[in-house]
Amino acid sequence: MYYYRISKYNPKLRNNSGEYRLEDWTSYSDIGKVFLGIELKFYTYEQVENSYIDFILSVMKETNTKFLEIEELEKYDDTADIFKFNAKYDQLYRELDTNRLIGVNELPTLLRLQLRDYIWTKLISEALTIHFGYDYYMYIICKKKLNEFCNESLEETIYIEKNYKSPYLN
């Protein structure tokens, strides 16, 4: 198995303990707050979110994964205010259940729900496991070594750290 940690944090900006040294946003709820003297705008947030989604779709393609199964689903009802604004999120949120298969067409919406802290789940297939931790960290376990297939446009938005096991594994 191959283990990866994916994040928006440049590994070169970590201290000797591996902690990211800069004060940066860590959640969708940080939109409108100021980090390093710059207000986090929705557009900036969405660029990073799209990079995570594009990366996962690339990994699925690389591993010939058509569906991911939902495991350990947690829904956070106290965050359901988003559904007033987007019926697509509301519909998928209501339909989500453990053991449900999610295909590539529904996956971007599910990942937005996950990255925006409306749900938490592990996404699993025979070749691939994906889950998220705190502070916008994503962990991937893969049977196949991922080649340098990541779109070059993602290189400044997300970083891939190899041989990094998730602290959330059972």
Protein backbone atom coordinates (compact mmCIF):
# COMPACT_ATOMS: atom_id res chain seq x y z
CA MET A 1 0.00 0.00 0.00
CA TYR A 2 1.06 3.57 -0.67
CA TYR A 3 0.21 6.39 1.71
CA TYR A 4 -0.14 10.06 0.88
CA ARG A 5 -1.01 13.26 2.70
CA ILE A 6 -2.38 16.02 0.52
CA SER A 7 -2.74 19.57 1.74
CA LYS A 8 -2.65 23.19 0.71
CA TYR A 9 0.37 23.69 2.97
CA ASN A 10 3.81 23.91 1.39
CA PRO A 11 6.02 21.32 3.17
CA LYS A 12 8.98 23.72 2.89
CA LEU A 13 7.20 26.02 5.35
CA ARG A 14 7.05 23.48 8.18
CA ASN A 15 9.22 23.57 11.28
CA ASN A 16 11.40 20.66 12.45
CA SER A 17 8.37 19.10 14.16
CA GLY A 18 6.44 19.12 10.89
CA GLU A 19 4.05 21.89 11.94
CA TYR A 20 3.10 24.48 9.36
CA ARG A 21 4.64 27.78 10.46
CA LEU A 22 2.34 30.33 8.81
CA GLU A 23 -1.06 31.42 10.06
CA ASP A 24 -3.42 30.28 7.32
CA TRP A 25 -7.07 29.46 6.88
CA THR A 26 -8.16 25.93 7.72
CA SER A 27 -11.88 25.85 7.02
CA TYR A 28 -14.71 27.08 4.82
CA SER A 29 -15.92 29.03 7.85
CA ASP A 30 -12.75 31.17 7.61
CA ILE A 31 -14.03 32.97 4.50
CA GLY A 32 -14.06 36.69 5.29
CA LYS A 33 -11.28 36.44 7.89
CA VAL A 34 -7.82 37.94 7.37
CA PHE A 35 -4.70 35.75 7.08
CA LEU A 36 -1.23 37.14 6.44
CA GLY A 37 -2.85 40.52 5.82
CA ILE A 38 -5.23 39.26 3.11
CA GLU A 39 -8.95 38.63 3.49
CA LEU A 40 -9.94 35.12 2.43
CA LYS A 41 -12.48 35.52 -0.36
CA PHE A 42 -14.83 32.79 -1.56
CA TYR A 43 -13.10 32.76 -4.95
CA THR A 44 -9.71 32.01 -3.35
CA TYR A 45 -11.23 29.33 -1.14
CA GLU A 46 -12.99 27.75 -4.10
CA GLN A 47 -9.76 27.55 -6.14
CA VAL A 48 -8.19 25.39 -3.44
CA GLU A 49 -11.36 23.33 -3.01
CA ASN A 50 -11.45 22.70 -6.76
CA SER A 51 -7.81 21.57 -6.67
CA TYR A 52 -8.64 18.92 -4.07
CA ILE A 53 -11.61 17.73 -6.13
CA ASP A 54 -9.61 17.69 -9.38
CA PHE A 55 -6.84 15.76 -7.66
CA ILE A 56 -9.22 13.11 -6.33
CA LEU A 57 -10.83 12.73 -9.74
CA SER A 58 -7.34 12.30 -11.24
CA VAL A 59 -6.48 9.64 -8.66
CA MET A 60 -9.70 7.81 -9.44
CA LYS A 61 -8.86 7.87 -13.13
CA GLU A 62 -5.28 6.73 -12.45
CA THR A 63 -6.53 3.79 -10.36
CA ASN A 64 -9.48 2.96 -12.67
CA THR A 65 -11.89 3.61 -9.80
CA LYS A 66 -15.46 4.24 -10.95
CA PHE A 67 -17.18 4.35 -7.55
CA LEU A 68 -16.27 5.01 -3.94
CA GLU A 69 -18.24 3.54 -1.05
CA ILE A 70 -19.22 5.76 1.86
CA GLU A 71 -18.10 4.44 5.25
CA GLU A 72 -18.39 5.91 8.75
CA LEU A 73 -20.67 8.72 7.58
CA GLU A 74 -21.27 11.61 9.97
CA LYS A 75 -23.79 14.33 9.08
CA TYR A 76 -23.67 17.63 10.91
CA ASP A 77 -27.22 18.97 11.11
CA ASP A 78 -26.12 22.21 12.74
CA THR A 79 -24.47 23.25 9.47
CA ALA A 80 -27.48 22.68 7.23
CA ASP A 81 -27.90 26.41 6.49
CA ILE A 82 -26.12 25.94 3.16
CA PHE A 83 -29.07 24.02 1.83
CA LYS A 84 -31.11 27.21 1.61
CA PHE A 85 -28.76 28.27 -1.16
CA ASN A 86 -28.14 25.11 -3.16
CA ALA A 87 -30.71 22.37 -3.81
CA LYS A 88 -28.01 20.05 -5.23
CA TYR A 89 -26.25 19.95 -1.85
CA ASP A 90 -29.54 19.44 -0.03
CA GLN A 91 -30.59 16.52 -2.22
CA LEU A 92 -27.29 14.66 -1.94
CA TYR A 93 -27.01 15.39 1.80
CA ARG A 94 -30.43 13.82 2.40
CA GLU A 95 -29.61 10.78 0.21
CA LEU A 96 -26.23 10.05 1.78
CA ASP A 97 -25.95 6.89 3.81
CA THR A 98 -23.23 4.51 4.89
CA ASN A 99 -22.42 1.89 2.24
CA ARG A 100 -23.82 4.04 -0.56
CA LEU A 101 -21.74 4.10 -3.73
CA ILE A 102 -20.73 7.50 -5.09
CA GLY A 103 -19.73 7.84 -8.73
CA VAL A 104 -17.64 10.52 -10.36
CA ASN A 105 -20.70 12.62 -11.25
CA GLU A 106 -21.83 13.00 -7.61
CA LEU A 107 -18.36 13.05 -6.12
CA PRO A 108 -17.62 16.78 -6.53
CA THR A 109 -20.77 17.68 -4.58
CA LEU A 110 -19.99 15.14 -1.86
CA LEU A 111 -16.43 16.44 -1.59
CA ARG A 112 -17.68 20.03 -1.26
CA LEU A 113 -19.94 18.89 1.59
CA GLN A 114 -16.94 17.19 3.18
CA LEU A 115 -14.46 20.02 2.67
CA ARG A 116 -16.99 22.54 4.00
CA ASP A 117 -17.52 20.47 7.17
CA TYR A 118 -21.15 19.49 6.53
CA ILE A 119 -20.27 15.79 6.60
CA TRP A 120 -17.35 13.50 7.37
CA THR A 121 -16.81 10.12 5.79
CA LYS A 122 -14.24 7.69 4.52
CA LEU A 123 -14.48 6.93 0.81
CA ILE A 124 -13.34 3.43 -0.06
CA SER A 125 -12.87 1.20 -3.08
CA GLU A 126 -10.80 -1.89 -3.72
CA ALA A 127 -7.85 0.22 -4.88
CA LEU A 128 -8.30 3.42 -2.93
CA THR A 129 -9.21 4.94 0.45
CA ILE A 130 -9.71 8.68 0.93
CA HIS A 131 -10.51 10.55 4.11
CA PHE A 132 -9.98 13.98 5.59
CA GLY A 133 -8.51 15.23 8.82
CA TYR A 134 -8.60 18.58 10.53
CA ASP A 135 -7.25 21.76 8.95
CA TYR A 136 -7.86 20.76 5.35
CA TYR A 137 -5.60 17.69 5.34
CA MET A 138 -6.54 14.80 3.07
CA TYR A 139 -5.17 11.25 3.31
CA ILE A 140 -5.05 8.71 0.53
CA ILE A 141 -4.21 5.03 0.75
CA CYS A 142 -3.69 3.43 -2.62
CA LYS A 143 -2.75 -0.03 -3.86
CA LYS A 144 -1.02 1.54 -6.82
CA LYS A 145 1.87 3.95 -6.59
CA LEU A 146 0.64 7.25 -7.92
CA ASN A 147 2.76 8.54 -10.76
CA GLU A 148 3.56 12.16 -11.26
CA PHE A 149 0.22 12.56 -12.97
CA CYS A 150 -0.95 15.53 -10.95
CA ASN A 151 -1.91 18.40 -13.22
CA GLU A 152 0.81 21.04 -13.15
CA SER A 153 -1.81 23.69 -12.39
CA LEU A 154 -2.33 22.04 -8.99
CA GLU A 155 1.31 22.28 -7.96
CA GLU A 156 0.96 25.77 -6.48
CA THR A 157 -2.38 24.97 -4.83
CA ILE A 158 -1.93 21.57 -3.19
CA TYR A 159 1.07 19.52 -2.10
CA ILE A 160 1.46 15.75 -2.11
CA GLU A 161 3.54 14.17 0.65
CA LYS A 162 4.46 10.54 0.04
CA ASN A 163 4.81 7.83 2.68
CA TYR A 164 2.67 9.71 5.19
CA LYS A 165 0.22 7.52 7.09
CA SER A 166 -2.95 9.08 8.39
CA PRO A 167 -3.17 9.59 12.16
CA TYR A 168 -6.86 8.64 11.84
CA LEU A 169 -6.37 5.03 10.77
CA ASN A 170 -7.87 2.39 13.04
